[in-house]
N, C-alpha and C. Protein backbone atom coordinates (compact mmCIF):
# COMPACT_ATOMS: atom_id res chain seq x y z
N MET A 1 2.82 3.62 15.26
CA MET A 1 2.81 2.56 15.22
C MET A 1 3.97 2.61 14.75
N SER A 2 5.04 1.72 15.20
CA SER A 2 6.40 1.41 14.26
C SER A 2 6.26 0.39 13.47
N ARG A 3 6.99 0.10 12.50
CA ARG A 3 6.98 -0.84 11.91
C ARG A 3 8.55 -1.03 11.11
N ASP A 4 8.91 -2.65 11.41
CA ASP A 4 10.45 -2.65 10.53
C ASP A 4 10.15 -2.81 9.07
N PRO A 5 10.65 -1.67 8.13
CA PRO A 5 10.04 -2.20 6.81
C PRO A 5 11.14 -2.88 6.06
N SER A 6 12.07 -3.53 6.97
CA SER A 6 13.23 -4.58 6.02
C SER A 6 12.82 -5.61 6.50
N ALA A 7 11.50 -6.23 6.94
CA ALA A 7 11.02 -7.25 7.51
C ALA A 7 9.82 -7.40 6.77
N SER A 8 9.33 -9.05 6.60
CA SER A 8 7.94 -9.03 6.29
C SER A 8 7.08 -9.02 7.44
N LYS A 9 5.98 -8.41 7.24
CA LYS A 9 4.71 -7.58 8.19
C LYS A 9 3.62 -8.00 7.50
N SER A 10 2.79 -8.77 8.36
CA SER A 10 1.25 -8.89 7.81
C SER A 10 0.45 -8.01 8.82
N ARG A 11 -0.14 -6.90 8.61
CA ARG A 11 -0.84 -6.37 9.56
C ARG A 11 -2.45 -5.66 8.87
N SER A 12 -3.11 -5.53 10.01
CA SER A 12 -4.28 -4.83 9.31
C SER A 12 -5.31 -4.02 10.93
N PRO A 13 -5.68 -3.30 10.80
CA PRO A 13 -6.43 -2.77 12.03
C PRO A 13 -6.69 -3.10 13.26
N ARG A 14 -7.11 -4.29 12.97
CA ARG A 14 -7.56 -5.49 14.27
C ARG A 14 -6.44 -5.95 15.05
N THR A 15 -5.15 -5.71 14.61
CA THR A 15 -3.77 -6.83 15.01
C THR A 15 -3.44 -5.42 16.29
N SER A 16 -3.30 -6.28 17.61
CA SER A 16 -2.69 -5.37 18.52
C SER A 16 -0.94 -5.87 18.37
N VAL A 17 -0.88 -7.32 17.75
CA VAL A 17 0.87 -7.70 17.73
C VAL A 17 0.60 -7.74 16.25
N ALA A 18 1.81 -7.74 15.83
CA ALA A 18 2.24 -7.88 14.12
C ALA A 18 3.21 -9.67 14.36
N ILE A 19 2.45 -10.21 13.86
CA ILE A 19 3.01 -11.53 13.28
C ILE A 19 2.63 -11.92 11.96
N SER A 20 3.59 -13.30 11.81
CA SER A 20 3.45 -13.25 10.49
C SER A 20 2.12 -14.86 9.85
N PRO A 21 1.73 -14.82 9.35
CA PRO A 21 0.62 -15.33 8.84
C PRO A 21 0.93 -16.78 9.49
N GLY A 22 -0.08 -17.45 10.66
CA GLY A 22 -0.04 -18.68 10.85
C GLY A 22 0.82 -18.76 11.86
N ALA A 23 1.38 -17.78 12.56
CA ALA A 23 2.35 -17.81 13.50
C ALA A 23 1.45 -17.64 14.67
N ARG A 24 2.06 -17.95 16.21
CA ARG A 24 1.04 -18.03 17.17
C ARG A 24 2.09 -16.39 18.35
N ALA A 25 1.29 -16.13 19.49
CA ALA A 25 1.37 -15.05 19.88
C ALA A 25 2.02 -15.47 21.41
N GLY A 26 3.25 -15.42 21.16
CA GLY A 26 3.73 -16.10 22.89
C GLY A 26 3.48 -14.87 23.43
N PRO A 27 4.02 -14.75 25.15
CA PRO A 27 3.71 -14.06 26.32
C PRO A 27 4.46 -12.97 25.92
N GLU A 28 5.85 -13.24 25.31
CA GLU A 28 6.97 -12.05 24.67
C GLU A 28 6.42 -11.11 23.83
N GLN A 29 4.93 -11.33 23.12
CA GLN A 29 4.29 -10.75 22.29
C GLN A 29 3.29 -9.91 22.90
N GLY A 30 2.73 -10.03 24.09
CA GLY A 30 1.57 -9.40 24.90
C GLY A 30 0.44 -9.88 25.12
N ALA A 31 0.62 -11.02 24.20
CA ALA A 31 -0.88 -11.98 24.22
C ALA A 31 -1.20 -11.92 25.72
N ALA A 32 -0.52 -12.73 26.16
CA ALA A 32 -0.86 -13.32 27.70
C ALA A 32 -1.44 -12.05 28.79
N GLN A 33 -0.97 -11.00 28.71
CA GLN A 33 -0.95 -9.70 29.12
C GLN A 33 -2.35 -9.24 29.25
N ASP A 34 -2.64 -8.99 27.84
CA ASP A 34 -3.68 -8.38 27.71
C ASP A 34 -4.63 -9.36 26.66
N PRO A 35 -6.41 -9.66 27.77
CA PRO A 35 -7.09 -10.59 26.69
C PRO A 35 -7.85 -10.19 25.83
N ARG A 36 -7.62 -8.88 25.39
CA ARG A 36 -8.42 -7.96 24.51
C ARG A 36 -7.65 -7.97 23.42
N THR A 37 -6.42 -8.51 23.55
CA THR A 37 -5.38 -8.64 21.86
C THR A 37 -6.29 -9.47 21.05
N GLU A 38 -5.98 -9.05 19.89
CA GLU A 38 -6.98 -9.71 18.88
C GLU A 38 -5.39 -10.01 17.57
N ILE A 39 -5.33 -11.37 17.60
CA ILE A 39 -4.12 -11.58 16.40
C ILE A 39 -4.77 -12.02 15.22
N ASP A 40 -3.74 -11.47 14.42
CA ASP A 40 -4.69 -11.15 12.90
C ASP A 40 -3.85 -12.22 11.57
N VAL A 41 -4.26 -13.67 11.86
CA VAL A 41 -3.38 -14.36 11.30
C VAL A 41 -4.16 -14.69 9.92
N ARG A 42 -4.77 -13.98 9.40
CA ARG A 42 -5.67 -13.94 7.91
C ARG A 42 -4.40 -13.72 6.93
N GLN A 43 -4.58 -14.29 5.64
CA GLN A 43 -3.32 -14.71 4.72
C GLN A 43 -3.12 -12.83 3.85
N PRO A 44 -2.10 -12.85 4.05
CA PRO A 44 -1.99 -11.13 3.16
C PRO A 44 -2.40 -11.42 1.90
N VAL A 45 -3.04 -10.33 1.48
CA VAL A 45 -3.53 -10.27 0.06
C VAL A 45 -2.93 -9.64 -0.77
N VAL A 46 -2.31 -8.76 -0.37
CA VAL A 46 -1.44 -7.41 -0.99
C VAL A 46 -0.30 -7.67 -0.87
N GLY A 47 0.77 -7.47 -1.47
CA GLY A 47 2.11 -7.94 -1.04
C GLY A 47 2.72 -6.23 -1.70
N VAL A 48 3.26 -5.45 -0.78
CA VAL A 48 4.00 -4.14 -0.92
C VAL A 48 5.60 -4.48 -0.63
N VAL A 49 6.47 -4.02 -1.65
CA VAL A 49 7.47 -3.76 -2.07
C VAL A 49 7.99 -2.50 -2.37
N MET A 50 9.04 -2.19 -1.37
CA MET A 50 9.82 -1.03 -1.37
C MET A 50 11.54 -1.34 -1.79
N GLY A 51 12.45 -0.24 -2.74
CA GLY A 51 13.28 0.01 -3.11
C GLY A 51 14.82 -0.39 -1.80
N SER A 52 14.08 0.58 -1.12
CA SER A 52 15.16 0.60 0.24
C SER A 52 14.34 0.84 1.53
N ASP A 53 14.55 0.94 2.60
CA ASP A 53 13.87 1.43 3.95
C ASP A 53 13.83 2.94 3.67
N SER A 54 14.53 3.15 2.87
CA SER A 54 14.53 5.04 3.15
C SER A 54 13.33 5.69 2.08
N ASP A 55 12.65 4.77 1.45
CA ASP A 55 11.29 4.65 1.04
C ASP A 55 10.30 4.65 1.99
N TYR A 56 10.55 4.06 3.28
CA TYR A 56 9.30 3.89 4.14
C TYR A 56 8.42 4.62 4.79
N PRO A 57 8.61 6.76 4.89
CA PRO A 57 8.34 7.55 5.15
C PRO A 57 7.15 7.68 3.84
N VAL A 58 7.42 7.24 2.79
CA VAL A 58 6.47 7.63 1.92
C VAL A 58 5.27 6.52 1.77
N VAL A 59 5.70 4.92 1.61
CA VAL A 59 5.02 4.06 1.49
C VAL A 59 4.50 3.61 2.98
N ALA A 60 4.66 4.34 4.02
CA ALA A 60 3.67 4.21 4.62
C ALA A 60 2.15 4.91 4.73
N ARG A 61 1.99 5.68 4.01
CA ARG A 61 0.80 6.30 3.68
C ARG A 61 0.21 5.00 2.71
N CYS A 62 0.68 4.18 2.30
CA CYS A 62 -0.31 3.49 1.74
C CYS A 62 -0.56 1.91 2.56
N LEU A 63 1.06 1.94 3.43
CA LEU A 63 0.32 0.91 4.43
C LEU A 63 -0.78 1.11 5.37
N GLU A 64 -0.84 2.35 6.12
CA GLU A 64 -1.67 2.93 6.42
C GLU A 64 -3.03 2.97 5.89
N THR A 65 -3.10 3.45 4.78
CA THR A 65 -4.51 3.13 4.00
C THR A 65 -5.03 1.65 4.30
N LEU A 66 -4.01 0.56 3.79
CA LEU A 66 -4.55 -0.56 3.63
C LEU A 66 -4.88 -1.04 5.17
N GLU A 67 -4.67 -0.43 6.14
CA GLU A 67 -5.06 -0.76 7.36
C GLU A 67 -6.36 -0.23 7.69
N GLU A 68 -6.95 0.94 7.34
CA GLU A 68 -7.75 1.83 7.14
C GLU A 68 -8.94 0.93 7.07
N PHE A 69 -8.71 -0.01 5.72
CA PHE A 69 -9.43 -0.61 5.06
C PHE A 69 -9.59 -2.27 5.53
N ASP A 70 -8.76 -2.04 6.30
CA ASP A 70 -8.68 -3.52 7.19
C ASP A 70 -8.36 -4.64 6.12
N ILE A 71 -7.29 -4.44 5.31
CA ILE A 71 -6.61 -5.13 4.37
C ILE A 71 -5.11 -5.89 4.87
N PRO A 72 -5.10 -7.05 4.89
CA PRO A 72 -3.72 -7.63 5.39
C PRO A 72 -3.11 -7.63 4.05
N TYR A 73 -1.90 -7.17 4.51
CA TYR A 73 -0.57 -6.98 3.82
C TYR A 73 0.76 -7.88 4.32
N ASP A 74 1.98 -7.84 3.37
CA ASP A 74 3.04 -8.14 3.77
C ASP A 74 3.67 -7.25 3.01
N ALA A 75 4.47 -6.09 3.82
CA ALA A 75 5.50 -5.19 3.46
C ALA A 75 6.99 -5.82 3.62
N ARG A 76 7.80 -5.36 2.21
CA ARG A 76 9.24 -5.73 2.34
C ARG A 76 10.15 -4.92 1.78
N VAL A 77 11.45 -4.80 1.67
CA VAL A 77 12.73 -4.21 1.05
C VAL A 77 13.48 -5.35 0.12
N MET A 78 13.57 -4.59 -1.05
CA MET A 78 14.09 -5.57 -2.16
C MET A 78 14.17 -4.45 -3.21
N SER A 79 15.20 -4.94 -3.85
CA SER A 79 15.60 -4.16 -4.98
C SER A 79 15.93 -4.88 -6.32
N ALA A 80 15.09 -4.25 -7.36
CA ALA A 80 15.11 -5.06 -8.52
C ALA A 80 16.80 -5.22 -9.36
N HIS A 81 17.60 -3.86 -8.97
CA HIS A 81 18.79 -4.12 -9.16
C HIS A 81 20.02 -4.72 -8.15
N ARG A 82 19.80 -4.32 -7.19
CA ARG A 82 20.71 -5.25 -6.23
C ARG A 82 20.58 -6.08 -5.49
N THR A 83 19.35 -6.49 -5.49
CA THR A 83 18.97 -7.86 -5.27
C THR A 83 18.21 -8.84 -6.39
N PRO A 84 17.92 -8.89 -7.48
CA PRO A 84 17.21 -9.32 -8.81
C PRO A 84 16.80 -10.52 -8.20
N ASP A 85 17.71 -11.62 -7.67
CA ASP A 85 16.97 -12.97 -7.24
C ASP A 85 16.17 -13.01 -6.49
N ARG A 86 16.05 -12.10 -5.22
CA ARG A 86 15.00 -12.37 -3.90
C ARG A 86 13.24 -11.51 -4.93
N VAL A 87 13.89 -10.50 -5.87
CA VAL A 87 12.90 -10.28 -6.39
C VAL A 87 12.26 -11.11 -7.34
N HIS A 88 12.76 -11.86 -8.04
CA HIS A 88 12.34 -12.70 -8.60
C HIS A 88 11.69 -13.92 -8.24
N ALA A 89 12.37 -14.62 -6.77
CA ALA A 89 11.69 -15.62 -5.99
C ALA A 89 10.26 -14.97 -5.65
N PHE A 90 10.31 -13.72 -5.20
CA PHE A 90 8.96 -13.16 -4.60
C PHE A 90 7.86 -12.97 -5.79
N ALA A 91 8.22 -12.37 -6.40
CA ALA A 91 6.91 -12.43 -7.69
C ALA A 91 6.70 -13.66 -8.15
N SER A 92 7.54 -14.29 -8.88
CA SER A 92 6.82 -15.66 -9.42
C SER A 92 6.65 -16.69 -8.58
N THR A 93 6.50 -16.30 -7.41
CA THR A 93 5.70 -16.94 -6.27
C THR A 93 4.40 -16.41 -5.41
N SER A 94 4.32 -15.11 -5.99
CA SER A 94 3.04 -14.54 -4.95
C SER A 94 1.70 -14.76 -5.06
N ARG A 95 1.16 -15.53 -6.81
CA ARG A 95 0.36 -15.81 -7.06
C ARG A 95 -0.44 -17.10 -5.75
N LEU A 96 1.06 -18.09 -5.82
CA LEU A 96 1.07 -18.83 -4.98
C LEU A 96 0.98 -19.07 -3.62
N LYS A 97 1.03 -17.79 -3.03
CA LYS A 97 1.65 -17.46 -1.85
C LYS A 97 -0.23 -16.74 -1.49
N GLY A 98 -1.23 -16.75 -2.30
CA GLY A 98 -2.06 -16.13 -1.89
C GLY A 98 -2.39 -14.51 -2.18
N PHE A 99 -1.08 -13.93 -2.86
CA PHE A 99 -1.40 -12.88 -2.76
C PHE A 99 -2.45 -12.33 -4.20
N LYS A 100 -3.28 -11.12 -3.98
CA LYS A 100 -4.20 -10.59 -5.15
C LYS A 100 -3.37 -9.52 -5.82
N VAL A 101 -2.90 -8.75 -5.59
CA VAL A 101 -2.33 -7.58 -5.73
C VAL A 101 -1.30 -7.18 -4.94
N LEU A 102 -0.28 -6.61 -6.07
CA LEU A 102 1.10 -6.23 -5.70
C LEU A 102 1.32 -4.69 -5.88
N ILE A 103 2.33 -4.45 -4.90
CA ILE A 103 2.09 -2.90 -5.20
C ILE A 103 3.70 -2.74 -4.85
N ALA A 104 4.39 -1.80 -6.07
CA ALA A 104 5.93 -1.66 -5.52
C ALA A 104 6.05 0.07 -5.82
N ALA A 105 7.03 0.45 -4.85
CA ALA A 105 7.26 1.63 -4.71
C ALA A 105 8.73 1.97 -4.88
N ALA A 106 9.19 2.83 -5.80
CA ALA A 106 10.80 2.96 -6.20
C ALA A 106 11.38 4.00 -6.64
N GLY A 107 12.32 4.65 -6.37
CA GLY A 107 12.70 6.12 -7.19
C GLY A 107 13.98 6.02 -8.09
N GLY A 108 13.87 6.69 -8.71
CA GLY A 108 15.26 6.50 -9.45
C GLY A 108 15.00 5.79 -10.97
N ALA A 109 15.42 5.03 -10.81
CA ALA A 109 15.86 4.44 -12.23
C ALA A 109 14.68 3.12 -11.84
N ALA A 110 13.47 3.67 -11.38
CA ALA A 110 12.48 2.86 -10.55
C ALA A 110 11.93 1.54 -11.65
N HIS A 111 12.69 0.60 -11.81
CA HIS A 111 12.12 -0.84 -12.47
C HIS A 111 11.43 -1.70 -11.80
N LEU A 112 11.49 -1.58 -10.20
CA LEU A 112 10.81 -2.59 -9.33
C LEU A 112 9.51 -2.84 -10.14
N ALA A 113 8.56 -2.27 -10.14
CA ALA A 113 7.32 -2.39 -10.56
C ALA A 113 7.15 -3.11 -11.75
N GLY A 114 8.03 -2.61 -13.10
CA GLY A 114 8.17 -3.64 -14.12
C GLY A 114 8.33 -4.94 -14.30
N VAL A 115 9.66 -5.37 -12.92
CA VAL A 115 10.01 -6.43 -12.83
C VAL A 115 9.39 -7.38 -12.47
N LEU A 116 8.31 -6.92 -11.43
CA LEU A 116 7.43 -7.75 -10.86
C LEU A 116 6.26 -7.88 -11.89
N SER A 117 5.86 -7.29 -12.39
CA SER A 117 4.87 -7.35 -13.61
C SER A 117 5.55 -8.68 -14.76
N SER A 118 6.57 -8.64 -15.00
CA SER A 118 6.96 -9.17 -16.22
C SER A 118 7.17 -11.05 -15.47
N LEU A 119 7.08 -10.82 -13.61
CA LEU A 119 7.33 -12.24 -13.23
C LEU A 119 5.82 -12.84 -13.02
N THR A 120 4.80 -12.04 -12.98
CA THR A 120 3.39 -12.75 -12.72
C THR A 120 2.22 -12.13 -13.47
N THR A 121 1.25 -12.48 -13.76
CA THR A 121 -0.08 -11.83 -13.99
C THR A 121 -1.09 -11.44 -12.93
N LEU A 122 -0.52 -11.32 -11.46
CA LEU A 122 -1.07 -10.77 -10.83
C LEU A 122 -1.24 -9.04 -11.46
N PRO A 123 -2.44 -8.20 -10.80
CA PRO A 123 -2.04 -6.72 -11.04
C PRO A 123 -0.86 -5.80 -10.07
N VAL A 124 -0.03 -5.31 -11.18
CA VAL A 124 1.03 -4.32 -10.06
C VAL A 124 0.96 -2.98 -10.62
N ILE A 125 1.01 -2.16 -9.08
CA ILE A 125 0.44 -0.84 -9.01
C ILE A 125 2.09 -0.43 -8.59
N GLY A 126 2.21 0.70 -9.67
CA GLY A 126 3.57 1.56 -9.23
C GLY A 126 3.39 2.72 -8.62
N ILE A 127 4.54 2.81 -7.41
CA ILE A 127 4.43 4.31 -7.30
C ILE A 127 5.62 4.98 -7.22
N PRO A 128 5.68 5.87 -8.06
CA PRO A 128 7.01 6.68 -8.32
C PRO A 128 7.78 7.39 -7.09
N LEU A 129 8.80 7.38 -6.70
CA LEU A 129 8.96 7.99 -5.27
C LEU A 129 10.07 9.02 -6.00
N GLN A 130 10.03 10.49 -5.34
CA GLN A 130 10.57 11.66 -5.68
C GLN A 130 12.14 11.64 -5.16
N THR A 131 12.97 11.92 -6.18
CA THR A 131 13.94 11.99 -5.66
C THR A 131 14.76 13.52 -5.71
N GLU A 132 16.18 13.82 -5.14
CA GLU A 132 16.56 15.15 -5.34
C GLU A 132 16.99 15.62 -6.75
N SER A 133 17.54 14.70 -7.31
CA SER A 133 18.05 14.73 -8.60
C SER A 133 16.82 15.46 -9.67
N LEU A 134 16.14 14.55 -9.80
CA LEU A 134 14.84 14.93 -10.92
C LEU A 134 13.54 15.17 -10.68
N GLY A 135 13.34 15.32 -9.12
CA GLY A 135 12.36 15.53 -8.57
C GLY A 135 10.74 14.18 -8.87
N GLY A 136 11.63 13.17 -8.87
CA GLY A 136 10.69 12.12 -9.33
C GLY A 136 9.87 11.84 -10.80
N ALA A 137 10.60 13.09 -11.66
CA ALA A 137 10.05 12.46 -13.22
C ALA A 137 10.80 11.49 -13.45
N ASP A 138 12.16 10.78 -13.19
CA ASP A 138 12.93 9.72 -13.97
C ASP A 138 11.92 8.43 -13.22
N ALA A 139 11.39 8.44 -12.01
CA ALA A 139 10.87 7.35 -11.44
C ALA A 139 9.49 7.24 -12.03
N LEU A 140 8.81 8.46 -12.27
CA LEU A 140 7.34 8.45 -12.88
C LEU A 140 7.88 7.55 -14.20
N TYR A 141 8.86 8.01 -15.22
CA TYR A 141 8.57 7.53 -16.50
C TYR A 141 9.11 6.08 -16.28
N SER A 142 10.10 5.90 -15.64
CA SER A 142 10.42 4.68 -15.70
C SER A 142 9.56 3.47 -14.72
N THR A 143 8.38 3.58 -14.45
CA THR A 143 7.18 3.31 -14.20
C THR A 143 6.38 3.12 -14.69
N VAL A 144 5.87 4.14 -15.50
CA VAL A 144 4.43 4.03 -16.30
C VAL A 144 4.93 3.72 -17.75
N GLN A 145 6.25 3.90 -18.31
CA GLN A 145 6.86 3.67 -19.43
C GLN A 145 6.75 2.01 -19.69
N MET A 146 5.46 1.44 -19.66
CA MET A 146 6.23 -0.56 -19.65
C MET A 146 5.55 -0.63 -21.12
N PRO A 147 6.46 -1.72 -21.77
CA PRO A 147 6.09 -2.21 -23.13
C PRO A 147 4.77 -2.39 -23.23
N ALA A 148 4.24 -2.71 -24.34
CA ALA A 148 2.94 -3.36 -24.43
C ALA A 148 2.74 -4.92 -24.08
N GLY A 149 1.75 -5.18 -23.06
CA GLY A 149 2.08 -6.54 -22.73
C GLY A 149 2.20 -7.04 -21.26
N VAL A 150 3.11 -5.90 -20.95
CA VAL A 150 3.52 -5.97 -19.58
C VAL A 150 3.03 -4.92 -18.53
N PRO A 151 1.94 -4.68 -18.19
CA PRO A 151 1.48 -3.28 -17.53
C PRO A 151 1.96 -2.99 -16.35
N VAL A 152 1.77 -2.04 -15.64
CA VAL A 152 2.05 -1.56 -14.42
C VAL A 152 1.18 -0.47 -14.56
N ALA A 153 0.18 -0.53 -13.37
CA ALA A 153 -0.99 0.99 -13.14
C ALA A 153 0.11 1.84 -11.95
N THR A 154 0.38 2.75 -12.68
CA THR A 154 1.13 3.72 -12.15
C THR A 154 0.05 5.02 -11.75
N VAL A 155 0.58 5.44 -10.21
CA VAL A 155 0.02 6.31 -9.25
C VAL A 155 1.19 7.62 -9.45
N SER A 156 0.58 8.78 -8.95
CA SER A 156 1.27 9.75 -8.83
C SER A 156 2.62 9.44 -7.79
N ILE A 157 3.51 10.59 -7.99
CA ILE A 157 4.65 11.12 -7.51
C ILE A 157 4.25 11.12 -5.95
N GLY A 158 4.77 10.24 -4.83
CA GLY A 158 5.12 10.34 -3.66
C GLY A 158 3.66 10.10 -2.92
N GLU A 159 3.20 10.88 -1.56
CA GLU A 159 2.58 10.29 -0.87
C GLU A 159 0.88 10.22 -1.61
N ALA A 160 0.48 11.31 -1.95
CA ALA A 160 -0.70 11.21 -2.74
C ALA A 160 -0.83 9.67 -3.53
N GLY A 161 0.54 9.03 -4.15
CA GLY A 161 0.55 8.16 -4.63
C GLY A 161 0.23 6.83 -3.82
N ALA A 162 1.24 6.94 -3.04
CA ALA A 162 0.88 5.90 -2.23
C ALA A 162 -0.31 5.61 -1.44
N ARG A 163 -0.91 6.38 -1.07
CA ARG A 163 -2.16 6.31 -0.96
C ARG A 163 -3.54 6.10 -1.83
N ASN A 164 -2.99 6.51 -2.84
CA ASN A 164 -3.81 5.72 -4.26
C ASN A 164 -3.54 4.85 -4.54
N ALA A 165 -2.58 4.00 -4.01
CA ALA A 165 -2.23 2.83 -4.93
C ALA A 165 -2.85 1.70 -3.89
N ALA A 166 -2.93 2.24 -2.48
CA ALA A 166 -3.67 1.20 -1.65
C ALA A 166 -5.40 1.02 -1.77
N LEU A 167 -5.62 2.48 -2.23
CA LEU A 167 -6.85 2.65 -3.06
C LEU A 167 -7.36 1.99 -3.74
N LEU A 168 -6.41 1.95 -4.89
CA LEU A 168 -6.51 0.93 -5.89
C LEU A 168 -6.58 -0.34 -5.96
N ALA A 169 -6.00 -0.68 -4.93
CA ALA A 169 -5.78 -1.92 -4.39
C ALA A 169 -7.47 -2.73 -3.90
N ALA A 170 -7.57 -1.61 -2.96
CA ALA A 170 -8.67 -1.94 -2.20
C ALA A 170 -9.99 -2.06 -3.32
N GLU A 171 -10.10 -1.36 -4.29
CA GLU A 171 -10.90 -1.02 -5.27
C GLU A 171 -10.91 -2.57 -6.22
N ILE A 172 -9.87 -2.70 -6.73
CA ILE A 172 -9.48 -3.93 -7.16
C ILE A 172 -10.07 -5.50 -6.34
N LEU A 173 -9.79 -5.53 -5.39
CA LEU A 173 -10.00 -6.78 -4.16
C LEU A 173 -11.54 -6.39 -3.98
N ALA A 174 -12.32 -5.09 -4.06
CA ALA A 174 -14.05 -5.52 -3.82
C ALA A 174 -14.72 -5.61 -4.64
N LEU A 175 -14.16 -5.70 -6.00
CA LEU A 175 -14.71 -7.09 -7.09
C LEU A 175 -15.40 -8.16 -6.33
N ALA A 176 -14.84 -8.44 -5.58
CA ALA A 176 -15.09 -10.06 -5.28
C ALA A 176 -15.31 -9.68 -3.63
N ASP A 177 -15.19 -8.51 -2.99
CA ASP A 177 -15.47 -8.61 -1.80
C ASP A 177 -16.43 -7.36 -1.04
N ASP A 178 -17.96 -7.89 -0.73
CA ASP A 178 -18.84 -6.87 -0.82
C ASP A 178 -18.74 -6.31 0.58
N GLU A 179 -18.23 -6.54 1.73
CA GLU A 179 -17.69 -5.91 2.59
C GLU A 179 -16.98 -4.93 2.67
N LEU A 180 -15.98 -5.12 1.57
CA LEU A 180 -14.88 -4.03 1.18
C LEU A 180 -15.48 -2.82 0.37
N GLN A 181 -15.96 -3.34 -0.39
CA GLN A 181 -16.99 -2.21 -1.62
C GLN A 181 -17.49 -1.45 -0.50
N ALA A 182 -18.36 -2.32 0.50
CA ALA A 182 -19.53 -0.97 1.62
C ALA A 182 -18.08 -0.23 2.38
N ARG A 183 -17.23 -0.36 2.69
CA ARG A 183 -16.22 0.29 3.03
C ARG A 183 -15.76 1.27 2.54
N LEU A 184 -15.40 1.25 0.95
CA LEU A 184 -15.19 1.73 -0.10
C LEU A 184 -15.87 3.09 0.01
N GLN A 185 -17.52 2.55 -0.26
CA GLN A 185 -18.57 3.42 -0.42
C GLN A 185 -18.72 4.17 0.70
N ALA A 186 -18.57 3.92 1.97
CA ALA A 186 -18.51 4.68 3.00
C ALA A 186 -17.56 5.68 2.99
N TYR A 187 -15.87 5.43 2.63
CA TYR A 187 -15.17 6.67 2.18
C TYR A 187 -15.61 7.58 1.59
N ARG A 188 -15.98 7.27 0.36
CA ARG A 188 -16.21 8.10 -0.79
C ARG A 188 -17.07 9.20 -0.05
N ALA A 189 -18.36 8.39 0.92
CA ALA A 189 -19.31 9.47 1.40
C ALA A 189 -18.69 10.44 2.39
N ARG A 190 -17.77 9.92 2.95
CA ARG A 190 -16.99 10.85 4.01
C ARG A 190 -16.24 12.15 3.48
N MET A 191 -15.60 11.45 2.30
CA MET A 191 -14.94 12.67 1.61
C MET A 191 -16.11 13.61 1.01
N ARG A 192 -16.95 13.33 0.97
CA ARG A 192 -18.23 14.26 0.00
C ARG A 192 -18.83 15.01 0.95
N ARG A 193 -19.16 14.49 1.97
CA ARG A 193 -19.42 15.29 3.52
C ARG A 193 -18.38 16.33 3.82
N ALA A 194 -17.11 15.80 3.97
CA ALA A 194 -16.32 16.57 4.50
C ALA A 194 -15.75 18.05 3.35
N VAL A 195 -15.98 17.53 2.10
CA VAL A 195 -15.91 18.89 1.54
C VAL A 195 -17.55 19.94 1.34
N ARG A 196 -18.56 19.10 1.75
CA ARG A 196 -19.92 19.87 1.86
C ARG A 196 -19.38 20.78 3.05
N ASP A 197 -18.81 19.90 4.16
CA ASP A 197 -18.69 21.12 5.41
C ASP A 197 -17.70 22.07 5.31
N LYS A 198 -16.68 21.70 4.41
CA LYS A 198 -15.71 22.94 4.11
C LYS A 198 -16.31 23.88 3.60
N SER A 199 -17.38 23.62 2.54
CA SER A 199 -17.48 24.70 1.67
C SER A 199 -18.73 25.73 2.37
N GLU A 200 -19.27 25.08 3.67
CA GLU A 200 -20.62 25.87 4.13
C GLU A 200 -19.15 26.39 5.25
N ARG A 201 -18.40 26.30 6.07
CA ARG A 201 -17.58 26.99 6.50
C ARG A 201 -17.21 28.05 5.82
N LEU A 202 -16.62 28.24 4.66
CA LEU A 202 -16.23 29.41 3.67
C LEU A 202 -17.50 30.13 3.80
N ARG A 203 -18.63 29.68 3.37
CA ARG A 203 -19.58 30.24 2.96
C ARG A 203 -20.01 31.31 4.26
N GLN A 204 -20.25 30.76 5.39
CA GLN A 204 -20.33 31.46 6.50
C GLN A 204 -19.02 32.39 6.66
N ARG A 205 -17.78 32.11 6.64
CA ARG A 205 -17.02 32.90 6.98
C ARG A 205 -16.87 34.36 6.11
N VAL A 206 -17.28 33.91 4.72
CA VAL A 206 -17.47 35.02 3.78
C VAL A 206 -19.02 35.75 3.86
N SER A 207 -19.72 35.26 4.31
CA SER A 207 -21.07 36.14 4.51
C SER A 207 -21.26 36.93 6.03
N GLY A 208 -20.01 36.72 7.03
CA GLY A 208 -19.49 37.08 8.45
C GLY A 208 -18.83 38.18 7.84
N SER A 209 -17.90 37.85 6.85
CA SER A 209 -17.04 39.55 6.62
C SER A 209 -17.49 40.34 5.81
N ALA A 210 -18.74 39.84 4.91
CA ALA A 210 -19.63 40.75 4.38
C ALA A 210 -20.55 41.66 5.19
N GLU A 211 -20.98 41.24 6.14
CA GLU A 211 -21.56 42.08 7.14
C GLU A 211 -21.12 43.31 7.57
């Protein structure tokens, strides 16, 4: 499923057509051709910001997880250093626009999550991205070492962190959403079953080799 990370997107697993909240799907978007198409016009509740479109391959793991849990999101590219005015405008109005959680992914001198947090009281989750020069340690320290009073919930470097950022956002939203809480519980149950299945396959392999 292709996406343009340089533009705002509102997506969920229920969408066959990508549109902005409140927009209408015209024939060019495929709604008229396929009566099964379901348009998702829900307000995005998670704002996902990445410092560059080159960050998209990693951030895609975050977006896929949000879609897996049917959480509408808005994804954008903006830089704390190169487009500070856009970051300020987005963060300072994010609560008014209906966002509940913000996620920021950046590498190098990764100040994006910290700048967002300084401009809103919404929960901000930072994803440090790996760099060629320092392997992501610079982004990790830049994201996690926030001064007292301006928190950023920082996940691990790279794709695992991107997926965990979406899961953490889901857990925050589930505090006021019983259906989402049920989906999270089902997800944990699937993980437990997967581990048990792997253990059983290993036991069968070991016992078979011992005969």
